[in-house]
Amino acid sequence: MARKRKTVLPAGIAVDAEVDLNVGDDGQFLSARLNISLPGIDRTTAQALIDEAHENCPYSKATRRNINVAINLV
């Protein structure tokens, strides 16, 4: 997505993934949090990149509606 927007990603980007195994009335299920750091990129652009990447990512597509995912720009 950055290349498509002609945005250069800075050094020091990070994605911290946290995955939880939960237990509910219907059994076990997964949830995840992705904490993303894009230093040096303004918040509006960073959020747009994250949203576009999440929409187009094959892993996101495969798990959509199966795993609750919270994506946080930190």
PDB file of N, CA and C in Angstrom:
ATOM      1  N   MET A   1       0.818  -1.182   0.000  1.00  0.00           N
ATOM      2  CA  MET A   1       0.000   0.000   0.000  1.00  0.00           C
ATOM      3  C   MET A   1       0.868   1.255   0.000  1.00  0.00           C
ATOM      4  N   ALA A   2       1.974   1.208   0.722  1.00  0.00           N
ATOM      5  CA  ALA A   2       2.875   2.368   0.741  1.00  0.00           C
ATOM      6  C   ALA A   2       3.425   2.623  -0.658  1.00  0.00           C
ATOM      7  N   ARG A   3       3.837   1.590  -1.342  1.00  0.00           N
ATOM      8  CA  ARG A   3       4.372   1.748  -2.698  1.00  0.00           C
ATOM      9  C   ARG A   3       3.299   2.311  -3.620  1.00  0.00           C
ATOM     10  N   LYS A   4       2.079   1.809  -3.482  1.00  0.00           N
ATOM     11  CA  LYS A   4       0.976   2.286  -4.310  1.00  0.00           C
ATOM     12  C   LYS A   4       0.723   3.773  -4.079  1.00  0.00           C
ATOM     13  N   ARG A   5       0.894   4.227  -2.822  1.00  0.00           N
ATOM     14  CA  ARG A   5       0.698   5.641  -2.472  1.00  0.00           C
ATOM     15  C   ARG A   5       1.965   6.467  -2.672  1.00  0.00           C
ATOM     16  N   LYS A   6       3.031   5.790  -3.110  1.00  0.00           N
ATOM     17  CA  LYS A   6       4.331   6.446  -3.286  1.00  0.00           C
ATOM     18  C   LYS A   6       4.812   7.076  -1.978  1.00  0.00           C
ATOM     19  N   THR A   7       4.619   6.305  -0.897  1.00  0.00           N
ATOM     20  CA  THR A   7       5.060   6.709   0.436  1.00  0.00           C
ATOM     21  C   THR A   7       6.242   5.835   0.831  1.00  0.00           C
ATOM     22  N   VAL A   8       7.328   6.450   1.228  1.00  0.00           N
ATOM     23  CA  VAL A   8       8.507   5.702   1.660  1.00  0.00           C
ATOM     24  C   VAL A   8       8.332   5.348   3.129  1.00  0.00           C
ATOM     25  N   LEU A   9       8.428   4.054   3.428  1.00  0.00           N
ATOM     26  CA  LEU A   9       8.326   3.624   4.820  1.00  0.00           C
ATOM     27  C   LEU A   9       9.658   3.860   5.527  1.00  0.00           C
ATOM     28  N   PRO A  10       9.618   4.437   6.715  1.00  0.00           N
ATOM     29  CA  PRO A  10      10.847   4.730   7.436  1.00  0.00           C
ATOM     30  C   PRO A  10      11.412   3.483   8.113  1.00  0.00           C
ATOM     31  N   ALA A  11      12.675   3.582   8.492  1.00  0.00           N
ATOM     32  CA  ALA A  11      13.260   2.524   9.324  1.00  0.00           C
ATOM     33  C   ALA A  11      12.550   2.570  10.671  1.00  0.00           C
ATOM     34  N   GLY A  12      12.493   1.462  11.325  1.00  0.00           N
ATOM     35  CA  GLY A  12      11.925   1.433  12.665  1.00  0.00           C
ATOM     36  C   GLY A  12      10.437   1.155  12.728  1.00  0.00           C
ATOM     37  N   ILE A  13       9.833   0.772  11.587  1.00  0.00           N
ATOM     38  CA  ILE A  13       8.422   0.412  11.672  1.00  0.00           C
ATOM     39  C   ILE A  13       8.304  -0.878  12.467  1.00  0.00           C
ATOM     40  N   ALA A  14       7.185  -1.043  13.161  1.00  0.00           N
ATOM     41  CA  ALA A  14       7.008  -2.241  13.984  1.00  0.00           C
ATOM     42  C   ALA A  14       5.545  -2.640  14.012  1.00  0.00           C
ATOM     43  N   VAL A  15       5.323  -3.947  14.027  1.00  0.00           N
ATOM     44  CA  VAL A  15       3.991  -4.501  14.223  1.00  0.00           C
ATOM     45  C   VAL A  15       4.103  -5.490  15.375  1.00  0.00           C
ATOM     46  N   ASP A  16       3.408  -5.190  16.448  1.00  0.00           N
ATOM     47  CA  ASP A  16       3.385  -6.064  17.627  1.00  0.00           C
ATOM     48  C   ASP A  16       2.041  -6.774  17.623  1.00  0.00           C
ATOM     49  N   ALA A  17       2.053  -8.081  17.416  1.00  0.00           N
ATOM     50  CA  ALA A  17       0.815  -8.859  17.349  1.00  0.00           C
ATOM     51  C   ALA A  17       0.586  -9.586  18.666  1.00  0.00           C
ATOM     52  N   GLU A  18      -0.628  -9.471  19.173  1.00  0.00           N
ATOM     53  CA  GLU A  18      -1.034 -10.177  20.380  1.00  0.00           C
ATOM     54  C   GLU A  18      -2.267 -10.998  20.021  1.00  0.00           C
ATOM     55  N   VAL A  19      -2.221 -12.297  20.277  1.00  0.00           N
ATOM     56  CA  VAL A  19      -3.337 -13.181  19.947  1.00  0.00           C
ATOM     57  C   VAL A  19      -3.807 -13.848  21.227  1.00  0.00           C
ATOM     58  N   ASP A  20      -5.122 -13.830  21.421  1.00  0.00           N
ATOM     59  CA  ASP A  20      -5.716 -14.420  22.622  1.00  0.00           C
ATOM     60  C   ASP A  20      -6.577 -15.608  22.241  1.00  0.00           C
ATOM     61  N   LEU A  21      -6.535 -16.632  23.072  1.00  0.00           N
ATOM     62  CA  LEU A  21      -7.445 -17.762  22.972  1.00  0.00           C
ATOM     63  C   LEU A  21      -8.514 -17.522  24.031  1.00  0.00           C
ATOM     64  N   ASN A  22      -9.748 -17.335  23.595  1.00  0.00           N
ATOM     65  CA  ASN A  22     -10.856 -17.008  24.489  1.00  0.00           C
ATOM     66  C   ASN A  22     -11.804 -18.188  24.601  1.00  0.00           C
ATOM     67  N   VAL A  23     -12.577 -18.190  25.669  1.00  0.00           N
ATOM     68  CA  VAL A  23     -13.589 -19.216  25.866  1.00  0.00           C
ATOM     69  C   VAL A  23     -14.937 -18.520  26.016  1.00  0.00           C
ATOM     70  N   GLY A  24     -15.898 -18.932  25.214  1.00  0.00           N
ATOM     71  CA  GLY A  24     -17.243 -18.359  25.271  1.00  0.00           C
ATOM     72  C   GLY A  24     -18.277 -19.457  25.352  1.00  0.00           C
ATOM     73  N   ASP A  25     -19.524 -19.065  25.295  1.00  0.00           N
ATOM     74  CA  ASP A  25     -20.624 -20.027  25.369  1.00  0.00           C
ATOM     75  C   ASP A  25     -20.590 -21.041  24.227  1.00  0.00           C
ATOM     76  N   ASP A  26     -20.081 -20.612  23.069  1.00  0.00           N
ATOM     77  CA  ASP A  26     -20.020 -21.489  21.898  1.00  0.00           C
ATOM     78  C   ASP A  26     -18.693 -22.228  21.773  1.00  0.00           C
ATOM     79  N   GLY A  27     -17.834 -22.121  22.765  1.00  0.00           N
ATOM     80  CA  GLY A  27     -16.535 -22.782  22.712  1.00  0.00           C
ATOM     81  C   GLY A  27     -15.405 -21.778  22.659  1.00  0.00           C
ATOM     82  N   GLN A  28     -14.295 -22.203  22.113  1.00  0.00           N
ATOM     83  CA  GLN A  28     -13.108 -21.363  22.067  1.00  0.00           C
ATOM     84  C   GLN A  28     -13.081 -20.532  20.787  1.00  0.00           C
ATOM     85  N   PHE A  29     -12.466 -19.351  20.885  1.00  0.00           N
ATOM     86  CA  PHE A  29     -12.312 -18.494  19.717  1.00  0.00           C
ATOM     87  C   PHE A  29     -11.086 -17.614  19.900  1.00  0.00           C
ATOM     88  N   LEU A  30     -10.582 -17.109  18.796  1.00  0.00           N
ATOM     89  CA  LEU A  30      -9.393 -16.261  18.808  1.00  0.00           C
ATOM     90  C   LEU A  30      -9.781 -14.797  18.682  1.00  0.00           C
ATOM     91  N   SER A  31      -8.951 -13.952  19.251  1.00  0.00           N
ATOM     92  CA  SER A  31      -9.010 -12.515  18.998  1.00  0.00           C
ATOM     93  C   SER A  31      -7.574 -12.023  18.905  1.00  0.00           C
ATOM     94  N   ALA A  32      -7.392 -10.902  18.240  1.00  0.00           N
ATOM     95  CA  ALA A  32      -6.033 -10.404  18.034  1.00  0.00           C
ATOM     96  C   ALA A  32      -5.998  -8.888  18.114  1.00  0.00           C
ATOM     97  N   ARG A  33      -4.841  -8.388  18.511  1.00  0.00           N
ATOM     98  CA  ARG A  33      -4.550  -6.959  18.500  1.00  0.00           C
ATOM     99  C   ARG A  33      -3.253  -6.755  17.735  1.00  0.00           C
ATOM    100  N   LEU A  34      -3.273  -5.833  16.800  1.00  0.00           N
ATOM    101  CA  LEU A  34      -2.064  -5.469  16.073  1.00  0.00           C
ATOM    102  C   LEU A  34      -1.743  -4.027  16.453  1.00  0.00           C
ATOM    103  N   ASN A  35      -0.621  -3.839  17.124  1.00  0.00           N
ATOM    104  CA  ASN A  35      -0.162  -2.509  17.516  1.00  0.00           C
ATOM    105  C   ASN A  35       0.928  -2.112  16.544  1.00  0.00           C
ATOM    106  N   ILE A  36       0.656  -1.077  15.756  1.00  0.00           N
ATOM    107  CA  ILE A  36       1.517  -0.720  14.635  1.00  0.00           C
ATOM    108  C   ILE A  36       2.155   0.638  14.861  1.00  0.00           C
ATOM    109  N   SER A  37       3.457   0.693  14.669  1.00  0.00           N
ATOM    110  CA  SER A  37       4.217   1.937  14.797  1.00  0.00           C
ATOM    111  C   SER A  37       4.832   2.284  13.457  1.00  0.00           C
ATOM    112  N   LEU A  38       4.503   3.480  12.971  1.00  0.00           N
ATOM    113  CA  LEU A  38       5.060   3.995  11.714  1.00  0.00           C
ATOM    114  C   LEU A  38       5.689   5.358  12.010  1.00  0.00           C
ATOM    115  N   PRO A  39       6.860   5.361  12.646  1.00  0.00           N
ATOM    116  CA  PRO A  39       7.471   6.631  13.036  1.00  0.00           C
ATOM    117  C   PRO A  39       7.824   7.487  11.824  1.00  0.00           C
ATOM    118  N   GLY A  40       7.581   8.787  11.959  1.00  0.00           N
ATOM    119  CA  GLY A  40       7.931   9.702  10.886  1.00  0.00           C
ATOM    120  C   GLY A  40       6.855   9.876   9.830  1.00  0.00           C
ATOM    121  N   ILE A  41       5.750   9.131   9.934  1.00  0.00           N
ATOM    122  CA  ILE A  41       4.645   9.283   8.995  1.00  0.00           C
ATOM    123  C   ILE A  41       3.495   9.940   9.750  1.00  0.00           C
ATOM    124  N   ASP A  42       2.924  10.981   9.149  1.00  0.00           N
ATOM    125  CA  ASP A  42       1.840  11.673   9.854  1.00  0.00           C
ATOM    126  C   ASP A  42       0.692  10.704  10.130  1.00  0.00           C
ATOM    127  N   ARG A  43      -0.024  10.976  11.198  1.00  0.00           N
ATOM    128  CA  ARG A  43      -1.041  10.057  11.707  1.00  0.00           C
ATOM    129  C   ARG A  43      -2.127   9.745  10.669  1.00  0.00           C
ATOM    130  N   THR A  44      -2.561  10.722   9.916  1.00  0.00           N
ATOM    131  CA  THR A  44      -3.617  10.508   8.916  1.00  0.00           C
ATOM    132  C   THR A  44      -3.140   9.555   7.822  1.00  0.00           C
ATOM    133  N   THR A  45      -1.940   9.777   7.323  1.00  0.00           N
ATOM    134  CA  THR A  45      -1.377   8.901   6.287  1.00  0.00           C
ATOM    135  C   THR A  45      -1.134   7.508   6.845  1.00  0.00           C
ATOM    136  N   ALA A  46      -0.580   7.434   8.049  1.00  0.00           N
ATOM    137  CA  ALA A  46      -0.312   6.139   8.672  1.00  0.00           C
ATOM    138  C   ALA A  46      -1.599   5.339   8.835  1.00  0.00           C
ATOM    139  N   GLN A  47      -2.655   5.981   9.310  1.00  0.00           N
ATOM    140  CA  GLN A  47      -3.923   5.276   9.507  1.00  0.00           C
ATOM    141  C   GLN A  47      -4.485   4.806   8.173  1.00  0.00           C
ATOM    142  N   ALA A  48      -4.386   5.627   7.137  1.00  0.00           N
ATOM    143  CA  ALA A  48      -4.863   5.239   5.808  1.00  0.00           C
ATOM    144  C   ALA A  48      -4.091   4.027   5.287  1.00  0.00           C
ATOM    145  N   LEU A  49      -2.773   4.027   5.471  1.00  0.00           N
ATOM    146  CA  LEU A  49      -1.949   2.886   5.042  1.00  0.00           C
ATOM    147  C   LEU A  49      -2.359   1.616   5.771  1.00  0.00           C
ATOM    148  N   ILE A  50      -2.558   1.728   7.066  1.00  0.00           N
ATOM    149  CA  ILE A  50      -2.942   0.568   7.878  1.00  0.00           C
ATOM    150  C   ILE A  50      -4.301   0.036   7.432  1.00  0.00           C
ATOM    151  N   ASP A  51      -5.265   0.935   7.247  1.00  0.00           N
ATOM    152  CA  ASP A  51      -6.605   0.512   6.835  1.00  0.00           C
ATOM    153  C   ASP A  51      -6.579  -0.170   5.472  1.00  0.00           C
ATOM    154  N   GLU A  52      -5.846   0.399   4.524  1.00  0.00           N
ATOM    155  CA  GLU A  52      -5.745  -0.187   3.187  1.00  0.00           C
ATOM    156  C   GLU A  52      -5.035  -1.536   3.223  1.00  0.00           C
ATOM    157  N   ALA A  53      -3.984  -1.624   4.008  1.00  0.00           N
ATOM    158  CA  ALA A  53      -3.252  -2.893   4.118  1.00  0.00           C
ATOM    159  C   ALA A  53      -4.155  -3.973   4.717  1.00  0.00           C
ATOM    160  N   HIS A  54      -4.919  -3.623   5.729  1.00  0.00           N
ATOM    161  CA  HIS A  54      -5.820  -4.595   6.365  1.00  0.00           C
ATOM    162  C   HIS A  54      -6.907  -5.055   5.388  1.00  0.00           C
ATOM    163  N   GLU A  55      -7.402  -4.160   4.555  1.00  0.00           N
ATOM    164  CA  GLU A  55      -8.420  -4.517   3.554  1.00  0.00           C
ATOM    165  C   GLU A  55      -7.872  -5.468   2.498  1.00  0.00           C
ATOM    166  N   ASN A  56      -6.600  -5.319   2.144  1.00  0.00           N
ATOM    167  CA  ASN A  56      -6.018  -6.071   1.029  1.00  0.00           C
ATOM    168  C   ASN A  56      -5.156  -7.257   1.428  1.00  0.00           C
ATOM    169  N   CYS A  57      -4.785  -7.358   2.679  1.00  0.00           N
ATOM    170  CA  CYS A  57      -3.908  -8.429   3.155  1.00  0.00           C
ATOM    171  C   CYS A  57      -4.584  -9.797   3.001  1.00  0.00           C
ATOM    172  N   PRO A  58      -3.902 -10.773   2.404  1.00  0.00           N
ATOM    173  CA  PRO A  58      -4.513 -12.091   2.243  1.00  0.00           C
ATOM    174  C   PRO A  58      -4.841 -12.761   3.574  1.00  0.00           C
ATOM    175  N   TYR A  59      -4.032 -12.526   4.600  1.00  0.00           N
ATOM    176  CA  TYR A  59      -4.330 -13.100   5.920  1.00  0.00           C
ATOM    177  C   TYR A  59      -5.560 -12.444   6.523  1.00  0.00           C
ATOM    178  N   SER A  60      -5.682 -11.132   6.360  1.00  0.00           N
ATOM    179  CA  SER A  60      -6.867 -10.432   6.858  1.00  0.00           C
ATOM    180  C   SER A  60      -8.116 -10.932   6.140  1.00  0.00           C
ATOM    181  N   LYS A  61      -8.001 -11.118   4.841  1.00  0.00           N
ATOM    182  CA  LYS A  61      -9.145 -11.614   4.074  1.00  0.00           C
ATOM    183  C   LYS A  61      -9.538 -13.021   4.527  1.00  0.00           C
ATOM    184  N   ALA A  62      -8.551 -13.866   4.799  1.00  0.00           N
ATOM    185  CA  ALA A  62      -8.825 -15.250   5.184  1.00  0.00           C
ATOM    186  C   ALA A  62      -9.479 -15.354   6.561  1.00  0.00           C
ATOM    187  N   THR A  63      -9.167 -14.414   7.439  1.00  0.00           N
ATOM    188  CA  THR A  63      -9.685 -14.500   8.807  1.00  0.00           C
ATOM    189  C   THR A  63     -10.854 -13.555   9.065  1.00  0.00           C
ATOM    190  N   ARG A  64     -11.205 -12.725   8.098  1.00  0.00           N
ATOM    191  CA  ARG A  64     -12.299 -11.760   8.267  1.00  0.00           C
ATOM    192  C   ARG A  64     -13.574 -12.484   8.674  1.00  0.00           C
ATOM    193  N   ARG A  65     -14.236 -11.951   9.674  1.00  0.00           N
ATOM    194  CA  ARG A  65     -15.473 -12.483  10.253  1.00  0.00           C
ATOM    195  C   ARG A  65     -15.244 -13.780  11.022  1.00  0.00           C
ATOM    196  N   ASN A  66     -13.981 -14.213  11.157  1.00  0.00           N
ATOM    197  CA  ASN A  66     -13.673 -15.404  11.944  1.00  0.00           C
ATOM    198  C   ASN A  66     -12.892 -15.062  13.207  1.00  0.00           C
ATOM    199  N   ILE A  67     -12.122 -13.977  13.148  1.00  0.00           N
ATOM    200  CA  ILE A  67     -11.296 -13.552  14.274  1.00  0.00           C
ATOM    201  C   ILE A  67     -11.514 -12.056  14.468  1.00  0.00           C
ATOM    202  N   ASN A  68     -11.828 -11.667  15.692  1.00  0.00           N
ATOM    203  CA  ASN A  68     -11.931 -10.240  16.000  1.00  0.00           C
ATOM    204  C   ASN A  68     -10.530  -9.657  16.041  1.00  0.00           C
ATOM    205  N   VAL A  69     -10.289  -8.612  15.241  1.00  0.00           N
ATOM    206  CA  VAL A  69      -8.970  -7.991  15.176  1.00  0.00           C
ATOM    207  C   VAL A  69      -9.105  -6.509  15.489  1.00  0.00           C
ATOM    208  N   ALA A  70      -8.317  -6.048  16.467  1.00  0.00           N
ATOM    209  CA  ALA A  70      -8.230  -4.636  16.776  1.00  0.00           C
ATOM    210  C   ALA A  70      -6.887  -4.146  16.248  1.00  0.00           C
ATOM    211  N   ILE A  71      -6.915  -3.093  15.465  1.00  0.00           N
ATOM    212  CA  ILE A  71      -5.685  -2.545  14.908  1.00  0.00           C
ATOM    213  C   ILE A  71      -5.475  -1.170  15.511  1.00  0.00           C
ATOM    214  N   ASN A  72      -4.332  -1.011  16.174  1.00  0.00           N
ATOM    215  CA  ASN A  72      -4.024   0.227  16.883  1.00  0.00           C
ATOM    216  C   ASN A  72      -2.770   0.877  16.319  1.00  0.00           C
ATOM    217  N   LEU A  73      -2.878   2.140  15.962  1.00  0.00           N
ATOM    218  CA  LEU A  73      -1.725   2.920  15.559  1.00  0.00           C
ATOM    219  C   LEU A  73      -1.130   3.516  16.817  1.00  0.00           C
ATOM    220  N   VAL A  74       0.115   3.141  17.096  1.00  0.00           N
ATOM    221  CA  VAL A  74       0.760   3.636  18.327  1.00  0.00           C
ATOM    222  C   VAL A  74       1.902   4.573  17.991  1.00  0.00           C
TER     223      VAL A  74
END
